[in-house]
Amino acid sequence: MVILFYFGSKLEKITNTKTVIIVYLTSGLFGGLGFLFTRLLFERQGLVVGASEAVLGVVSAFVVMRPNTVILKPKAKMWVLALLIFSVISVILHPQALDSDVAHLIGVCVGLLYGYHLMNKENKKSI
């Protein structure tokens, strides 16, 4: 949740509160659906609690809009790259966590897409 607070507040400064909520809920919704679909596809049982895919969506949306912002030494774009690499390594080392990693990757993708949408909207305003 510290990551959500940090990146969410930065995204809110360059957009608005409504945008952060939309990115968070959309990433969470699609990530959750991806999780459920993966569970059904591989016939796994059990529940999971969390909203990590939603948080990763917010991080990704911020990164698209401000990729060269320095955050704790590396640039913001390196954070998303690290999160993606971590998810891929997690799938390789722990295939039983595939459903969670699919949710994370979907959250990142939704955040990236929404970030590009916001960036295009921002660029049109400046023209």
N, C-alpha and C. Protein backbone atom coordinates (compact mmCIF):
# COMPACT_ATOMS: atom_id res chain seq x y z
N MET A 1 0.81 -1.20 0.00
CA MET A 1 0.00 0.00 0.00
C MET A 1 0.86 1.26 0.00
N VAL A 2 2.11 1.13 0.44
CA VAL A 2 3.02 2.27 0.39
C VAL A 2 3.26 2.65 -1.07
N ILE A 3 3.38 1.64 -1.93
CA ILE A 3 3.60 1.90 -3.35
C ILE A 3 2.38 2.62 -3.93
N LEU A 4 1.18 2.19 -3.56
CA LEU A 4 -0.03 2.85 -4.02
C LEU A 4 -0.06 4.30 -3.58
N PHE A 5 0.26 4.56 -2.33
CA PHE A 5 0.27 5.92 -1.83
C PHE A 5 1.28 6.77 -2.59
N TYR A 6 2.47 6.22 -2.80
CA TYR A 6 3.53 7.00 -3.44
C TYR A 6 3.19 7.30 -4.91
N PHE A 7 2.92 6.26 -5.68
CA PHE A 7 2.64 6.46 -7.10
C PHE A 7 1.26 7.06 -7.32
N GLY A 8 0.29 6.70 -6.50
CA GLY A 8 -1.06 7.24 -6.63
C GLY A 8 -1.09 8.73 -6.39
N SER A 9 -0.35 9.20 -5.38
CA SER A 9 -0.33 10.64 -5.12
C SER A 9 0.38 11.39 -6.24
N LYS A 10 1.40 10.78 -6.81
CA LYS A 10 2.10 11.43 -7.95
C LYS A 10 1.20 11.47 -9.18
N LEU A 11 0.48 10.37 -9.44
CA LEU A 11 -0.45 10.35 -10.57
C LEU A 11 -1.57 11.35 -10.36
N GLU A 12 -2.02 11.47 -9.11
CA GLU A 12 -3.10 12.42 -8.80
C GLU A 12 -2.67 13.86 -9.06
N LYS A 13 -1.40 14.17 -8.81
CA LYS A 13 -0.91 15.54 -9.04
C LYS A 13 -0.91 15.91 -10.51
N ILE A 14 -0.65 14.93 -11.39
CA ILE A 14 -0.61 15.27 -12.82
C ILE A 14 -1.95 15.03 -13.52
N THR A 15 -2.88 14.34 -12.84
CA THR A 15 -4.22 14.13 -13.41
C THR A 15 -5.24 14.67 -12.41
N ASN A 16 -5.94 13.77 -11.75
CA ASN A 16 -6.88 14.14 -10.68
C ASN A 16 -7.27 12.87 -9.91
N THR A 17 -8.01 13.05 -8.85
CA THR A 17 -8.40 11.93 -7.99
C THR A 17 -9.27 10.92 -8.74
N LYS A 18 -10.20 11.43 -9.53
CA LYS A 18 -11.10 10.56 -10.29
C LYS A 18 -10.30 9.62 -11.21
N THR A 19 -9.29 10.13 -11.86
CA THR A 19 -8.46 9.32 -12.77
C THR A 19 -7.75 8.21 -12.01
N VAL A 20 -7.20 8.52 -10.85
CA VAL A 20 -6.50 7.50 -10.05
C VAL A 20 -7.48 6.40 -9.66
N ILE A 21 -8.67 6.78 -9.25
CA ILE A 21 -9.68 5.79 -8.85
C ILE A 21 -10.08 4.93 -10.05
N ILE A 22 -10.26 5.55 -11.21
CA ILE A 22 -10.63 4.79 -12.41
C ILE A 22 -9.53 3.80 -12.79
N VAL A 23 -8.29 4.25 -12.78
CA VAL A 23 -7.17 3.35 -13.11
C VAL A 23 -7.11 2.20 -12.11
N TYR A 24 -7.24 2.53 -10.83
CA TYR A 24 -7.16 1.52 -9.77
C TYR A 24 -8.27 0.47 -9.94
N LEU A 25 -9.51 0.94 -10.08
CA LEU A 25 -10.64 0.01 -10.18
C LEU A 25 -10.62 -0.79 -11.48
N THR A 26 -10.26 -0.15 -12.58
CA THR A 26 -10.22 -0.86 -13.87
C THR A 26 -9.13 -1.93 -13.87
N SER A 27 -7.95 -1.58 -13.38
CA SER A 27 -6.86 -2.56 -13.30
C SER A 27 -7.24 -3.70 -12.37
N GLY A 28 -7.85 -3.37 -11.25
CA GLY A 28 -8.28 -4.40 -10.30
C GLY A 28 -9.34 -5.31 -10.89
N LEU A 29 -10.29 -4.72 -11.59
CA LEU A 29 -11.37 -5.51 -12.19
C LEU A 29 -10.82 -6.48 -13.25
N PHE A 30 -10.06 -5.96 -14.19
CA PHE A 30 -9.54 -6.83 -15.25
C PHE A 30 -8.51 -7.83 -14.73
N GLY A 31 -7.70 -7.42 -13.77
CA GLY A 31 -6.76 -8.35 -13.15
C GLY A 31 -7.48 -9.46 -12.41
N GLY A 32 -8.55 -9.09 -11.69
CA GLY A 32 -9.36 -10.08 -10.98
C GLY A 32 -10.04 -11.05 -11.93
N LEU A 33 -10.55 -10.53 -13.05
CA LEU A 33 -11.16 -11.41 -14.05
C LEU A 33 -10.12 -12.35 -14.66
N GLY A 34 -8.93 -11.83 -14.89
CA GLY A 34 -7.84 -12.68 -15.40
C GLY A 34 -7.48 -13.77 -14.42
N PHE A 35 -7.47 -13.42 -13.14
CA PHE A 35 -7.20 -14.39 -12.09
C PHE A 35 -8.25 -15.50 -12.11
N LEU A 36 -9.52 -15.09 -12.13
CA LEU A 36 -10.60 -16.08 -12.14
C LEU A 36 -10.56 -16.96 -13.38
N PHE A 37 -10.31 -16.36 -14.53
CA PHE A 37 -10.24 -17.12 -15.78
C PHE A 37 -9.10 -18.14 -15.72
N THR A 38 -7.95 -17.73 -15.19
CA THR A 38 -6.81 -18.65 -15.07
C THR A 38 -7.14 -19.78 -14.10
N ARG A 39 -7.81 -19.45 -13.00
CA ARG A 39 -8.22 -20.48 -12.05
C ARG A 39 -9.16 -21.49 -12.70
N LEU A 40 -10.11 -21.00 -13.47
CA LEU A 40 -11.06 -21.89 -14.15
C LEU A 40 -10.36 -22.72 -15.22
N LEU A 41 -9.46 -22.10 -15.96
CA LEU A 41 -8.75 -22.78 -17.04
C LEU A 41 -7.92 -23.95 -16.52
N PHE A 42 -7.25 -23.73 -15.39
CA PHE A 42 -6.40 -24.78 -14.82
C PHE A 42 -7.08 -25.56 -13.71
N GLU A 43 -8.38 -25.33 -13.54
CA GLU A 43 -9.19 -26.04 -12.56
C GLU A 43 -8.58 -26.04 -11.16
N ARG A 44 -8.24 -24.86 -10.71
CA ARG A 44 -7.69 -24.70 -9.37
C ARG A 44 -8.77 -24.18 -8.44
N GLN A 45 -8.60 -24.50 -7.16
CA GLN A 45 -9.56 -24.04 -6.16
C GLN A 45 -8.87 -23.10 -5.20
N GLY A 46 -9.66 -22.37 -4.46
CA GLY A 46 -9.13 -21.47 -3.45
C GLY A 46 -9.41 -20.02 -3.77
N LEU A 47 -9.20 -19.20 -2.78
CA LEU A 47 -9.44 -17.77 -2.91
C LEU A 47 -8.14 -17.01 -2.70
N VAL A 48 -8.18 -15.78 -3.06
CA VAL A 48 -7.03 -14.91 -2.83
C VAL A 48 -7.56 -13.56 -2.36
N VAL A 49 -6.77 -12.90 -1.55
CA VAL A 49 -7.15 -11.58 -1.06
C VAL A 49 -6.04 -10.61 -1.45
N GLY A 50 -6.45 -9.48 -1.98
CA GLY A 50 -5.46 -8.47 -2.33
C GLY A 50 -5.87 -7.66 -3.53
N ALA A 51 -5.14 -6.60 -3.75
CA ALA A 51 -5.42 -5.73 -4.88
C ALA A 51 -4.13 -5.32 -5.56
N SER A 52 -3.18 -6.22 -5.58
CA SER A 52 -1.87 -5.89 -6.13
C SER A 52 -1.95 -5.53 -7.60
N GLU A 53 -2.83 -6.18 -8.36
CA GLU A 53 -2.95 -5.85 -9.78
C GLU A 53 -3.45 -4.42 -9.97
N ALA A 54 -4.28 -3.95 -9.06
CA ALA A 54 -4.77 -2.57 -9.13
C ALA A 54 -3.65 -1.58 -8.83
N VAL A 55 -2.83 -1.91 -7.85
CA VAL A 55 -1.69 -1.06 -7.50
C VAL A 55 -0.70 -1.00 -8.67
N LEU A 56 -0.44 -2.14 -9.29
CA LEU A 56 0.48 -2.17 -10.42
C LEU A 56 -0.08 -1.38 -11.60
N GLY A 57 -1.38 -1.34 -11.75
CA GLY A 57 -2.00 -0.52 -12.78
C GLY A 57 -1.74 0.97 -12.56
N VAL A 58 -1.84 1.41 -11.32
CA VAL A 58 -1.57 2.81 -10.99
C VAL A 58 -0.10 3.14 -11.25
N VAL A 59 0.79 2.25 -10.83
CA VAL A 59 2.22 2.45 -11.07
C VAL A 59 2.48 2.57 -12.57
N SER A 60 1.91 1.67 -13.34
CA SER A 60 2.14 1.65 -14.79
C SER A 60 1.60 2.90 -15.47
N ALA A 61 0.43 3.35 -15.07
CA ALA A 61 -0.15 4.56 -15.66
C ALA A 61 0.75 5.77 -15.39
N PHE A 62 1.27 5.87 -14.17
CA PHE A 62 2.18 6.98 -13.86
C PHE A 62 3.45 6.89 -14.70
N VAL A 63 3.98 5.68 -14.83
CA VAL A 63 5.23 5.49 -15.55
C VAL A 63 5.10 5.90 -17.02
N VAL A 64 3.96 5.60 -17.63
CA VAL A 64 3.76 6.00 -19.02
C VAL A 64 3.76 7.51 -19.14
N MET A 65 3.15 8.18 -18.17
CA MET A 65 3.03 9.63 -18.25
C MET A 65 4.32 10.36 -17.87
N ARG A 66 5.08 9.79 -16.96
CA ARG A 66 6.32 10.43 -16.51
C ARG A 66 7.43 9.37 -16.38
N PRO A 67 7.89 8.80 -17.50
CA PRO A 67 8.84 7.68 -17.45
C PRO A 67 10.22 8.04 -16.89
N ASN A 68 10.61 9.28 -17.00
CA ASN A 68 11.96 9.65 -16.57
C ASN A 68 12.02 10.27 -15.18
N THR A 69 10.91 10.25 -14.47
CA THR A 69 10.90 10.73 -13.09
C THR A 69 11.76 9.81 -12.24
N VAL A 70 12.66 10.39 -11.47
CA VAL A 70 13.54 9.59 -10.62
C VAL A 70 12.79 9.25 -9.33
N ILE A 71 12.73 7.95 -9.03
CA ILE A 71 12.05 7.48 -7.82
C ILE A 71 12.99 6.53 -7.09
N LEU A 72 13.49 6.99 -5.95
CA LEU A 72 14.43 6.20 -5.15
C LEU A 72 15.61 5.72 -6.01
N LYS A 73 16.25 6.60 -6.69
CA LYS A 73 17.42 6.41 -7.56
C LYS A 73 17.06 6.05 -9.00
N PRO A 74 16.40 4.91 -9.30
CA PRO A 74 16.14 4.63 -10.72
C PRO A 74 14.99 5.47 -11.26
N LYS A 75 14.93 5.53 -12.59
CA LYS A 75 13.82 6.22 -13.23
C LYS A 75 12.56 5.37 -13.11
N ALA A 76 11.41 6.02 -13.21
CA ALA A 76 10.12 5.35 -13.02
C ALA A 76 9.95 4.17 -13.97
N LYS A 77 10.41 4.31 -15.22
CA LYS A 77 10.23 3.22 -16.18
C LYS A 77 10.95 1.95 -15.75
N MET A 78 11.99 2.07 -14.97
CA MET A 78 12.71 0.89 -14.48
C MET A 78 11.89 0.13 -13.45
N TRP A 79 11.00 0.83 -12.75
CA TRP A 79 10.14 0.17 -11.77
C TRP A 79 9.20 -0.81 -12.44
N VAL A 80 8.59 -0.39 -13.55
CA VAL A 80 7.67 -1.29 -14.26
C VAL A 80 8.44 -2.45 -14.86
N LEU A 81 9.61 -2.18 -15.41
CA LEU A 81 10.44 -3.26 -15.95
C LEU A 81 10.78 -4.26 -14.86
N ALA A 82 11.15 -3.78 -13.69
CA ALA A 82 11.47 -4.68 -12.57
C ALA A 82 10.25 -5.49 -12.14
N LEU A 83 9.09 -4.87 -12.10
CA LEU A 83 7.86 -5.59 -11.73
C LEU A 83 7.53 -6.67 -12.75
N LEU A 84 7.71 -6.37 -14.03
CA LEU A 84 7.45 -7.37 -15.07
C LEU A 84 8.43 -8.54 -14.98
N ILE A 85 9.70 -8.22 -14.80
CA ILE A 85 10.72 -9.27 -14.67
C ILE A 85 10.43 -10.14 -13.45
N PHE A 86 10.07 -9.51 -12.34
CA PHE A 86 9.74 -10.26 -11.13
C PHE A 86 8.58 -11.21 -11.37
N SER A 87 7.55 -10.76 -12.09
CA SER A 87 6.39 -11.62 -12.37
C SER A 87 6.77 -12.80 -13.25
N VAL A 88 7.60 -12.56 -14.24
CA VAL A 88 8.04 -13.65 -15.12
C VAL A 88 8.89 -14.66 -14.35
N ILE A 89 9.80 -14.18 -13.54
CA ILE A 89 10.63 -15.08 -12.73
C ILE A 89 9.75 -15.87 -11.75
N SER A 90 8.75 -15.21 -11.19
CA SER A 90 7.83 -15.89 -10.28
C SER A 90 7.09 -17.03 -10.96
N VAL A 91 6.67 -16.81 -12.21
CA VAL A 91 5.99 -17.88 -12.96
C VAL A 91 6.93 -19.06 -13.18
N ILE A 92 8.18 -18.77 -13.48
CA ILE A 92 9.16 -19.83 -13.74
C ILE A 92 9.47 -20.60 -12.46
N LEU A 93 9.70 -19.89 -11.37
CA LEU A 93 10.09 -20.54 -10.12
C LEU A 93 8.91 -21.13 -9.35
N HIS A 94 7.74 -20.53 -9.50
CA HIS A 94 6.56 -20.98 -8.76
C HIS A 94 5.36 -21.06 -9.70
N PRO A 95 5.31 -22.07 -10.56
CA PRO A 95 4.20 -22.16 -11.51
C PRO A 95 2.83 -22.25 -10.83
N GLN A 96 2.79 -22.66 -9.58
CA GLN A 96 1.51 -22.73 -8.87
C GLN A 96 0.94 -21.33 -8.62
N ALA A 97 1.76 -20.31 -8.79
CA ALA A 97 1.31 -18.93 -8.60
C ALA A 97 0.96 -18.26 -9.93
N LEU A 98 0.78 -19.06 -10.96
CA LEU A 98 0.50 -18.53 -12.30
C LEU A 98 -0.70 -17.59 -12.31
N ASP A 99 -1.76 -17.98 -11.63
CA ASP A 99 -2.98 -17.17 -11.64
C ASP A 99 -2.75 -15.78 -11.06
N SER A 100 -1.97 -15.69 -10.00
CA SER A 100 -1.67 -14.39 -9.40
C SER A 100 -0.79 -13.56 -10.33
N ASP A 101 0.17 -14.22 -10.97
CA ASP A 101 1.06 -13.49 -11.87
C ASP A 101 0.32 -13.01 -13.11
N VAL A 102 -0.65 -13.79 -13.58
CA VAL A 102 -1.48 -13.35 -14.70
C VAL A 102 -2.24 -12.09 -14.29
N ALA A 103 -2.78 -12.08 -13.09
CA ALA A 103 -3.50 -10.90 -12.59
C ALA A 103 -2.57 -9.69 -12.54
N HIS A 104 -1.34 -9.89 -12.05
CA HIS A 104 -0.38 -8.80 -11.99
C HIS A 104 -0.07 -8.25 -13.38
N LEU A 105 0.19 -9.15 -14.32
CA LEU A 105 0.52 -8.73 -15.68
C LEU A 105 -0.65 -7.99 -16.34
N ILE A 106 -1.85 -8.46 -16.10
CA ILE A 106 -3.03 -7.78 -16.65
C ILE A 106 -3.16 -6.39 -16.02
N GLY A 107 -2.93 -6.29 -14.72
CA GLY A 107 -2.97 -4.98 -14.06
C GLY A 107 -1.97 -4.01 -14.65
N VAL A 108 -0.75 -4.50 -14.92
CA VAL A 108 0.28 -3.67 -15.55
C VAL A 108 -0.17 -3.24 -16.94
N CYS A 109 -0.69 -4.18 -17.72
CA CYS A 109 -1.12 -3.87 -19.09
C CYS A 109 -2.26 -2.85 -19.11
N VAL A 110 -3.23 -3.02 -18.23
CA VAL A 110 -4.34 -2.06 -18.17
C VAL A 110 -3.81 -0.68 -17.78
N GLY A 111 -2.91 -0.63 -16.82
CA GLY A 111 -2.31 0.65 -16.41
C GLY A 111 -1.53 1.29 -17.55
N LEU A 112 -0.78 0.49 -18.29
CA LEU A 112 -0.02 1.03 -19.43
C LEU A 112 -0.96 1.60 -20.49
N LEU A 113 -2.00 0.84 -20.80
CA LEU A 113 -2.97 1.31 -21.81
C LEU A 113 -3.67 2.59 -21.36
N TYR A 114 -4.08 2.63 -20.11
CA TYR A 114 -4.75 3.83 -19.61
C TYR A 114 -3.78 5.00 -19.55
N GLY A 115 -2.54 4.71 -19.19
CA GLY A 115 -1.51 5.77 -19.18
C GLY A 115 -1.29 6.35 -20.56
N TYR A 116 -1.24 5.50 -21.58
CA TYR A 116 -1.10 5.99 -22.96
C TYR A 116 -2.31 6.83 -23.36
N HIS A 117 -3.49 6.39 -22.95
CA HIS A 117 -4.70 7.15 -23.21
C HIS A 117 -4.61 8.54 -22.57
N LEU A 118 -4.18 8.59 -21.32
CA LEU A 118 -4.05 9.86 -20.62
C LEU A 118 -2.98 10.75 -21.26
N MET A 119 -1.88 10.14 -21.67
CA MET A 119 -0.80 10.89 -22.28
C MET A 119 -1.25 11.51 -23.61
N ASN A 120 -1.98 10.73 -24.42
CA ASN A 120 -2.50 11.26 -25.68
C ASN A 120 -3.48 12.40 -25.44
N LYS A 121 -4.30 12.25 -24.42
CA LYS A 121 -5.26 13.29 -24.04
C LYS A 121 -4.51 14.56 -23.61
N GLU A 122 -3.44 14.37 -22.85
CA GLU A 122 -2.63 15.48 -22.38
C GLU A 122 -1.93 16.19 -23.55
N ASN A 123 -1.43 15.40 -24.51
CA ASN A 123 -0.75 15.96 -25.66
C ASN A 123 -1.70 16.75 -26.56
N LYS A 124 -2.94 16.30 -26.68
CA LYS A 124 -3.94 17.00 -27.49
C LYS A 124 -4.29 18.35 -26.87
N LYS A 125 -4.28 18.40 -25.53
CA LYS A 125 -4.59 19.67 -24.85
C LYS A 125 -3.49 20.70 -25.08
N SER A 126 -2.23 20.23 -25.17
CA SER A 126 -1.11 21.15 -25.30
C SER A 126 -0.92 21.66 -26.72
N ILE A 127 -1.63 21.07 -27.68
CA ILE A 127 -1.48 21.51 -29.08
C ILE A 127 -2.29 22.72 -29.36
